[in-house]
Amino acid sequence: MSSQKKTLTRQGFKTGESIVYPAHGVGQIVAIEEQEVAGMKLELFVIDFEKDKMRLKVPVAKAESVGMRKLSETDFVERSLKVVQGRARVKKTMWSRRAQEYDAKINSGDLIQIAEVVRDLYRAESQPEQSYSERQLYEAALGRMARELAAVNEVSETEAVRLIETNLNKGPKRLSKAEAEAEAEASEAVSDANEEATAATPATDNSETEQVKAA
């Protein structure tokens, strides 16, 4: 194995460059190594992920197929910040299903999809607290997004987090905890009223209603 110290370029990536690897986020190509496997020479990108204190070796020939990419352009970063300003879009499905979808978005390597997770799981101080699993996914998405913004804008991760949170707070007014509870109570009251009305409806009316639905 021989380590190359001078700047090398392979598949459009060069040593010393920061890149994004889907499953781990922002890393830096520290070297391009050559290894011999089964009698064949294989070139590998050596990528360090400082945050996770991890080193990954990716075959040069497979870099594109595994989703490795360059850092986003500044206009794409601005677009991601616009995304977090939007209204949260939470599907009415079981949490386990949504958690899987959020996890897939975080590990997609797509900055916009990661921003969508940040937007959907963000909670203002006045809102009901996140569950433990929601918090874990939110922090994972926020960290991924912040590290890419920090690398693109050449600022610290702390400054990048502050920038994201500033944009989150520019979004539509979110319900406070008291408002959320009031809304839930109102919804429950409407539901109870509907059930009482249904129970009080004569049997003949029920029969007619069913016939209309069937028709």
C-alpha atoms as a PDB file:
ATOM      1  CA  MET A   1       0.000   0.000   0.000  1.00  0.00           C
ATOM      2  CA  SER A   2       1.374   3.403  -0.901  1.00  0.00           C
ATOM      3  CA  SER A   3      -0.062   6.646   0.408  1.00  0.00           C
ATOM      4  CA  GLN A   4      -0.078   9.611  -1.979  1.00  0.00           C
ATOM      5  CA  LYS A   5       0.726  12.930  -0.286  1.00  0.00           C
ATOM      6  CA  LYS A   6       0.493  15.256  -3.267  1.00  0.00           C
ATOM      7  CA  THR A   7      -2.888  16.482  -4.510  1.00  0.00           C
ATOM      8  CA  LEU A   8      -4.502  13.872  -6.734  1.00  0.00           C
ATOM      9  CA  THR A   9      -7.784  13.934  -8.631  1.00  0.00           C
ATOM     10  CA  ARG A  10      -9.992  10.936  -9.398  1.00  0.00           C
ATOM     11  CA  GLN A  11     -13.597  10.919 -10.678  1.00  0.00           C
ATOM     12  CA  GLY A  12     -13.717  14.697 -10.175  1.00  0.00           C
ATOM     13  CA  PHE A  13     -12.719  14.430  -6.496  1.00  0.00           C
ATOM     14  CA  LYS A  14      -9.339  15.527  -5.156  1.00  0.00           C
ATOM     15  CA  THR A  15      -7.358  15.005  -1.982  1.00  0.00           C
ATOM     16  CA  GLY A  16      -7.985  17.656   0.661  1.00  0.00           C
ATOM     17  CA  GLU A  17     -11.528  18.212  -0.596  1.00  0.00           C
ATOM     18  CA  SER A  18     -14.623  18.012   1.627  1.00  0.00           C
ATOM     19  CA  ILE A  19     -17.346  15.735   0.251  1.00  0.00           C
ATOM     20  CA  VAL A  20     -20.695  14.290   1.339  1.00  0.00           C
ATOM     21  CA  TYR A  21     -21.114  10.542   1.837  1.00  0.00           C
ATOM     22  CA  PRO A  22     -24.824   9.598   2.219  1.00  0.00           C
ATOM     23  CA  ALA A  23     -24.613   7.460   5.354  1.00  0.00           C
ATOM     24  CA  HIS A  24     -22.131   9.659   7.230  1.00  0.00           C
ATOM     25  CA  GLY A  25     -22.460  13.240   5.973  1.00  0.00           C
ATOM     26  CA  VAL A  26     -19.528  15.598   5.435  1.00  0.00           C
ATOM     27  CA  GLY A  27     -16.049  14.084   5.327  1.00  0.00           C
ATOM     28  CA  GLN A  28     -12.659  14.999   3.891  1.00  0.00           C
ATOM     29  CA  ILE A  29     -10.623  13.068   1.343  1.00  0.00           C
ATOM     30  CA  VAL A  30      -7.247  12.818   3.058  1.00  0.00           C
ATOM     31  CA  ALA A  31      -5.573  10.495   0.547  1.00  0.00           C
ATOM     32  CA  ILE A  32      -5.993   8.238  -2.460  1.00  0.00           C
ATOM     33  CA  GLU A  33      -4.442   4.864  -1.795  1.00  0.00           C
ATOM     34  CA  GLU A  34      -3.641   1.916  -3.979  1.00  0.00           C
ATOM     35  CA  GLN A  35      -4.236  -1.597  -2.699  1.00  0.00           C
ATOM     36  CA  GLU A  36      -3.755  -4.969  -4.303  1.00  0.00           C
ATOM     37  CA  VAL A  37      -6.786  -7.220  -4.058  1.00  0.00           C
ATOM     38  CA  ALA A  38      -6.786 -10.695  -5.623  1.00  0.00           C
ATOM     39  CA  GLY A  39      -3.845  -9.717  -7.772  1.00  0.00           C
ATOM     40  CA  MET A  40      -5.542  -6.560  -9.044  1.00  0.00           C
ATOM     41  CA  LYS A  41      -4.655  -2.979  -8.145  1.00  0.00           C
ATOM     42  CA  LEU A  42      -7.506  -1.020  -6.610  1.00  0.00           C
ATOM     43  CA  GLU A  43      -7.592   2.729  -5.945  1.00  0.00           C
ATOM     44  CA  LEU A  44      -9.383   3.907  -2.813  1.00  0.00           C
ATOM     45  CA  PHE A  45     -10.502   7.285  -1.513  1.00  0.00           C
ATOM     46  CA  VAL A  46      -9.499   7.583   2.147  1.00  0.00           C
ATOM     47  CA  ILE A  47     -12.139   9.730   3.843  1.00  0.00           C
ATOM     48  CA  ASP A  48     -12.022  11.061   7.391  1.00  0.00           C
ATOM     49  CA  PHE A  49     -15.204  11.998   9.257  1.00  0.00           C
ATOM     50  CA  GLU A  50     -13.973  14.209  12.074  1.00  0.00           C
ATOM     51  CA  LYS A  51     -17.310  14.411  13.918  1.00  0.00           C
ATOM     52  CA  ASP A  52     -17.656  10.618  14.137  1.00  0.00           C
ATOM     53  CA  LYS A  53     -13.910  10.037  14.533  1.00  0.00           C
ATOM     54  CA  MET A  54     -14.110   7.548  11.699  1.00  0.00           C
ATOM     55  CA  ARG A  55     -12.127   6.719   8.557  1.00  0.00           C
ATOM     56  CA  LEU A  56     -13.746   5.192   5.486  1.00  0.00           C
ATOM     57  CA  LYS A  57     -12.129   3.753   2.360  1.00  0.00           C
ATOM     58  CA  VAL A  58     -14.225   3.900  -0.790  1.00  0.00           C
ATOM     59  CA  PRO A  59     -13.202   2.334  -4.123  1.00  0.00           C
ATOM     60  CA  VAL A  60     -12.676   5.189  -6.599  1.00  0.00           C
ATOM     61  CA  ALA A  61     -14.659   3.330  -9.244  1.00  0.00           C
ATOM     62  CA  LYS A  62     -17.690   3.048  -6.952  1.00  0.00           C
ATOM     63  CA  ALA A  63     -17.745   6.592  -5.582  1.00  0.00           C
ATOM     64  CA  GLU A  64     -20.577   7.737  -7.834  1.00  0.00           C
ATOM     65  CA  SER A  65     -22.686   4.598  -7.461  1.00  0.00           C
ATOM     66  CA  VAL A  66     -22.634   4.790  -3.640  1.00  0.00           C
ATOM     67  CA  GLY A  67     -23.849   8.384  -3.803  1.00  0.00           C
ATOM     68  CA  MET A  68     -20.678  10.235  -2.821  1.00  0.00           C
ATOM     69  CA  ARG A  69     -20.954  13.850  -3.967  1.00  0.00           C
ATOM     70  CA  LYS A  70     -19.361  17.268  -3.804  1.00  0.00           C
ATOM     71  CA  LEU A  71     -20.584  19.877  -1.331  1.00  0.00           C
ATOM     72  CA  SER A  72     -23.750  21.692  -2.382  1.00  0.00           C
ATOM     73  CA  GLU A  73     -23.493  24.992  -4.234  1.00  0.00           C
ATOM     74  CA  THR A  74     -24.391  28.121  -2.240  1.00  0.00           C
ATOM     75  CA  ASP A  75     -27.694  28.587  -4.085  1.00  0.00           C
ATOM     76  CA  PHE A  76     -28.711  25.032  -3.132  1.00  0.00           C
ATOM     77  CA  VAL A  77     -27.832  25.794   0.492  1.00  0.00           C
ATOM     78  CA  GLU A  78     -30.086  28.859   0.334  1.00  0.00           C
ATOM     79  CA  ARG A  79     -32.837  26.658  -1.051  1.00  0.00           C
ATOM     80  CA  SER A  80     -32.466  24.278   1.906  1.00  0.00           C
ATOM     81  CA  LEU A  81     -32.840  27.215   4.298  1.00  0.00           C
ATOM     82  CA  LYS A  82     -36.062  28.192   2.514  1.00  0.00           C
ATOM     83  CA  VAL A  83     -37.302  24.629   3.084  1.00  0.00           C
ATOM     84  CA  VAL A  84     -36.913  24.883   6.877  1.00  0.00           C
ATOM     85  CA  GLN A  85     -38.932  28.098   6.805  1.00  0.00           C
ATOM     86  CA  GLY A  86     -41.913  26.178   5.457  1.00  0.00           C
ATOM     87  CA  ARG A  87     -44.845  24.610   7.287  1.00  0.00           C
ATOM     88  CA  ALA A  88     -44.199  21.193   8.792  1.00  0.00           C
ATOM     89  CA  ARG A  89     -45.708  18.381   6.712  1.00  0.00           C
ATOM     90  CA  VAL A  90     -46.405  15.485   9.024  1.00  0.00           C
ATOM     91  CA  LYS A  91     -48.129  12.445   7.572  1.00  0.00           C
ATOM     92  CA  LYS A  92     -50.920  10.869   9.592  1.00  0.00           C
ATOM     93  CA  THR A  93     -49.293   7.462   9.765  1.00  0.00           C
ATOM     94  CA  MET A  94     -47.827   5.383  12.582  1.00  0.00           C
ATOM     95  CA  TRP A  95     -44.689   6.868  14.131  1.00  0.00           C
ATOM     96  CA  SER A  96     -42.610   3.770  13.301  1.00  0.00           C
ATOM     97  CA  ARG A  97     -43.399   4.272   9.605  1.00  0.00           C
ATOM     98  CA  ARG A  98     -42.589   7.977   9.720  1.00  0.00           C
ATOM     99  CA  ALA A  99     -39.387   7.322  11.658  1.00  0.00           C
ATOM    100  CA  GLN A 100     -38.202   4.979   8.906  1.00  0.00           C
ATOM    101  CA  GLU A 101     -38.969   7.615   6.276  1.00  0.00           C
ATOM    102  CA  TYR A 102     -37.116  10.304   8.227  1.00  0.00           C
ATOM    103  CA  ASP A 103     -34.122   8.004   8.698  1.00  0.00           C
ATOM    104  CA  ALA A 104     -34.054   7.233   4.969  1.00  0.00           C
ATOM    105  CA  LYS A 105     -34.102  10.960   4.174  1.00  0.00           C
ATOM    106  CA  ILE A 106     -31.261  11.676   6.607  1.00  0.00           C
ATOM    107  CA  ASN A 107     -29.120   8.971   5.021  1.00  0.00           C
ATOM    108  CA  SER A 108     -30.021   9.909   1.443  1.00  0.00           C
ATOM    109  CA  GLY A 109     -27.241  12.491   1.319  1.00  0.00           C
ATOM    110  CA  ASP A 110     -29.740  14.929  -0.239  1.00  0.00           C
ATOM    111  CA  LEU A 111     -29.559  18.298   1.548  1.00  0.00           C
ATOM    112  CA  ILE A 112     -33.167  19.196   0.689  1.00  0.00           C
ATOM    113  CA  GLN A 113     -34.534  15.928   2.098  1.00  0.00           C
ATOM    114  CA  ILE A 114     -32.474  16.409   5.257  1.00  0.00           C
ATOM    115  CA  ALA A 115     -33.833  19.967   5.568  1.00  0.00           C
ATOM    116  CA  GLU A 116     -37.377  18.554   5.318  1.00  0.00           C
ATOM    117  CA  VAL A 117     -36.704  16.313   8.337  1.00  0.00           C
ATOM    118  CA  VAL A 118     -35.346  19.295  10.298  1.00  0.00           C
ATOM    119  CA  ARG A 119     -38.459  21.319   9.391  1.00  0.00           C
ATOM    120  CA  ASP A 120     -40.948  18.547  10.229  1.00  0.00           C
ATOM    121  CA  LEU A 121     -39.415  17.566  13.587  1.00  0.00           C
ATOM    122  CA  TYR A 122     -38.527  21.042  14.878  1.00  0.00           C
ATOM    123  CA  ARG A 123     -40.339  22.200  18.012  1.00  0.00           C
ATOM    124  CA  ALA A 124     -40.308  25.777  19.287  1.00  0.00           C
ATOM    125  CA  GLU A 125     -39.938  26.305  23.044  1.00  0.00           C
ATOM    126  CA  SER A 126     -43.651  27.077  23.317  1.00  0.00           C
ATOM    127  CA  GLN A 127     -44.618  23.774  21.668  1.00  0.00           C
ATOM    128  CA  PRO A 128     -45.109  20.298  23.143  1.00  0.00           C
ATOM    129  CA  GLU A 129     -41.746  18.586  23.665  1.00  0.00           C
ATOM    130  CA  GLN A 130     -40.414  16.021  21.215  1.00  0.00           C
ATOM    131  CA  SER A 131     -40.378  12.366  22.180  1.00  0.00           C
ATOM    132  CA  TYR A 132     -36.964  10.772  22.699  1.00  0.00           C
ATOM    133  CA  SER A 133     -36.944   9.145  19.237  1.00  0.00           C
ATOM    134  CA  GLU A 134     -38.131  12.359  17.562  1.00  0.00           C
ATOM    135  CA  ARG A 135     -35.345  14.260  19.305  1.00  0.00           C
ATOM    136  CA  GLN A 136     -32.746  11.727  18.187  1.00  0.00           C
ATOM    137  CA  LEU A 137     -33.798  11.990  14.539  1.00  0.00           C
ATOM    138  CA  TYR A 138     -34.067  15.783  14.711  1.00  0.00           C
ATOM    139  CA  GLU A 139     -30.559  16.133  16.111  1.00  0.00           C
ATOM    140  CA  ALA A 140     -29.165  13.716  13.510  1.00  0.00           C
ATOM    141  CA  ALA A 141     -30.758  15.709  10.674  1.00  0.00           C
ATOM    142  CA  LEU A 142     -29.766  19.069  12.176  1.00  0.00           C
ATOM    143  CA  GLY A 143     -26.163  17.877  12.573  1.00  0.00           C
ATOM    144  CA  ARG A 144     -25.925  16.634   8.991  1.00  0.00           C
ATOM    145  CA  MET A 145     -27.380  19.848   7.611  1.00  0.00           C
ATOM    146  CA  ALA A 146     -25.273  22.088   9.856  1.00  0.00           C
ATOM    147  CA  ARG A 147     -21.988  20.359   8.948  1.00  0.00           C
ATOM    148  CA  GLU A 148     -22.609  20.817   5.232  1.00  0.00           C
ATOM    149  CA  LEU A 149     -23.627  24.455   5.673  1.00  0.00           C
ATOM    150  CA  ALA A 150     -20.538  25.029   7.806  1.00  0.00           C
ATOM    151  CA  ALA A 151     -18.270  23.515   5.145  1.00  0.00           C
ATOM    152  CA  VAL A 152     -19.898  25.455   2.291  1.00  0.00           C
ATOM    153  CA  ASN A 153     -20.023  28.808   4.116  1.00  0.00           C
ATOM    154  CA  GLU A 154     -16.690  28.256   5.884  1.00  0.00           C
ATOM    155  CA  VAL A 155     -18.114  28.909   9.338  1.00  0.00           C
ATOM    156  CA  SER A 156     -18.211  26.864  12.547  1.00  0.00           C
ATOM    157  CA  GLU A 157     -20.837  24.177  13.065  1.00  0.00           C
ATOM    158  CA  THR A 158     -22.254  26.226  15.958  1.00  0.00           C
ATOM    159  CA  GLU A 159     -22.751  29.209  13.648  1.00  0.00           C
ATOM    160  CA  ALA A 160     -24.378  26.955  11.052  1.00  0.00           C
ATOM    161  CA  VAL A 161     -26.827  25.577  13.655  1.00  0.00           C
ATOM    162  CA  ARG A 162     -27.676  29.148  14.680  1.00  0.00           C
ATOM    163  CA  LEU A 163     -28.341  30.046  11.034  1.00  0.00           C
ATOM    164  CA  ILE A 164     -30.668  27.055  10.598  1.00  0.00           C
ATOM    165  CA  GLU A 165     -32.557  27.824  13.820  1.00  0.00           C
ATOM    166  CA  THR A 166     -32.954  31.464  12.763  1.00  0.00           C
ATOM    167  CA  ASN A 167     -34.579  30.301   9.538  1.00  0.00           C
ATOM    168  CA  LEU A 168     -36.757  27.762  11.375  1.00  0.00           C
ATOM    169  CA  ASN A 169     -38.137  30.597  13.481  1.00  0.00           C
ATOM    170  CA  LYS A 170     -39.055  32.539  10.333  1.00  0.00           C
ATOM    171  CA  GLY A 171     -41.534  29.797   9.490  1.00  0.00           C
ATOM    172  CA  PRO A 172     -45.339  29.809   9.938  1.00  0.00           C
ATOM    173  CA  LYS A 173     -46.598  30.313  13.493  1.00  0.00           C
ATOM    174  CA  ARG A 174     -46.523  26.983  15.267  1.00  0.00           C
ATOM    175  CA  LEU A 175     -49.109  26.056  17.872  1.00  0.00           C
ATOM    176  CA  SER A 176     -48.055  26.604  21.477  1.00  0.00           C
ATOM    177  CA  LYS A 177     -48.466  23.762  23.957  1.00  0.00           C
ATOM    178  CA  ALA A 178     -51.642  25.360  25.338  1.00  0.00           C
ATOM    179  CA  GLU A 179     -53.048  25.894  21.838  1.00  0.00           C
ATOM    180  CA  ALA A 180     -52.218  22.321  20.839  1.00  0.00           C
ATOM    181  CA  GLU A 181     -54.015  20.994  23.937  1.00  0.00           C
ATOM    182  CA  ALA A 182     -57.008  23.282  23.302  1.00  0.00           C
ATOM    183  CA  GLU A 183     -57.179  22.094  19.693  1.00  0.00           C
ATOM    184  CA  ALA A 184     -57.049  18.462  20.820  1.00  0.00           C
ATOM    185  CA  GLU A 185     -59.844  19.074  23.355  1.00  0.00           C
ATOM    186  CA  ALA A 186     -61.978  20.816  20.720  1.00  0.00           C
ATOM    187  CA  SER A 187     -61.431  17.936  18.307  1.00  0.00           C
ATOM    188  CA  GLU A 188     -62.373  15.432  21.008  1.00  0.00           C
ATOM    189  CA  ALA A 189     -65.514  17.422  21.850  1.00  0.00           C
ATOM    190  CA  VAL A 190     -66.597  17.428  18.183  1.00  0.00           C
ATOM    191  CA  SER A 191     -65.959  13.690  17.988  1.00  0.00           C
ATOM    192  CA  ASP A 192     -68.045  13.066  21.139  1.00  0.00           C
ATOM    193  CA  ALA A 193     -70.872  15.235  19.790  1.00  0.00           C
ATOM    194  CA  ASN A 194     -70.878  13.302  16.522  1.00  0.00           C
ATOM    195  CA  GLU A 195     -71.046   9.995  18.385  1.00  0.00           C
ATOM    196  CA  GLU A 196     -74.000  11.249  20.502  1.00  0.00           C
ATOM    197  CA  ALA A 197     -75.813  12.480  17.379  1.00  0.00           C
ATOM    198  CA  THR A 198     -75.299   9.115  15.679  1.00  0.00           C
ATOM    199  CA  ALA A 199     -76.604   7.242  18.716  1.00  0.00           C
ATOM    200  CA  ALA A 200     -79.718   9.461  18.848  1.00  0.00           C
ATOM    201  CA  THR A 201     -80.589   9.029  15.143  1.00  0.00           C
ATOM    202  CA  PRO A 202     -83.729   6.838  14.539  1.00  0.00           C
ATOM    203  CA  ALA A 203     -83.125   3.398  13.015  1.00  0.00           C
ATOM    204  CA  THR A 204     -85.153   4.287   9.889  1.00  0.00           C
ATOM    205  CA  ASP A 205     -82.849   7.242   9.228  1.00  0.00           C
ATOM    206  CA  ASN A 206     -79.813   5.002   9.624  1.00  0.00           C
ATOM    207  CA  SER A 207     -81.213   2.628   7.057  1.00  0.00           C
ATOM    208  CA  GLU A 208     -81.790   5.448   4.576  1.00  0.00           C
ATOM    209  CA  THR A 209     -78.292   6.750   5.126  1.00  0.00           C
ATOM    210  CA  GLU A 210     -76.793   3.347   4.410  1.00  0.00           C
ATOM    211  CA  GLN A 211     -78.796   3.032   1.203  1.00  0.00           C
ATOM    212  CA  VAL A 212     -77.564   6.418  -0.012  1.00  0.00           C
ATOM    213  CA  LYS A 213     -73.977   5.414   0.689  1.00  0.00           C
ATOM    214  CA  ALA A 214     -74.422   2.129  -1.124  1.00  0.00           C
ATOM    215  CA  ALA A 215     -75.923   3.915  -4.115  1.00  0.00           C
END
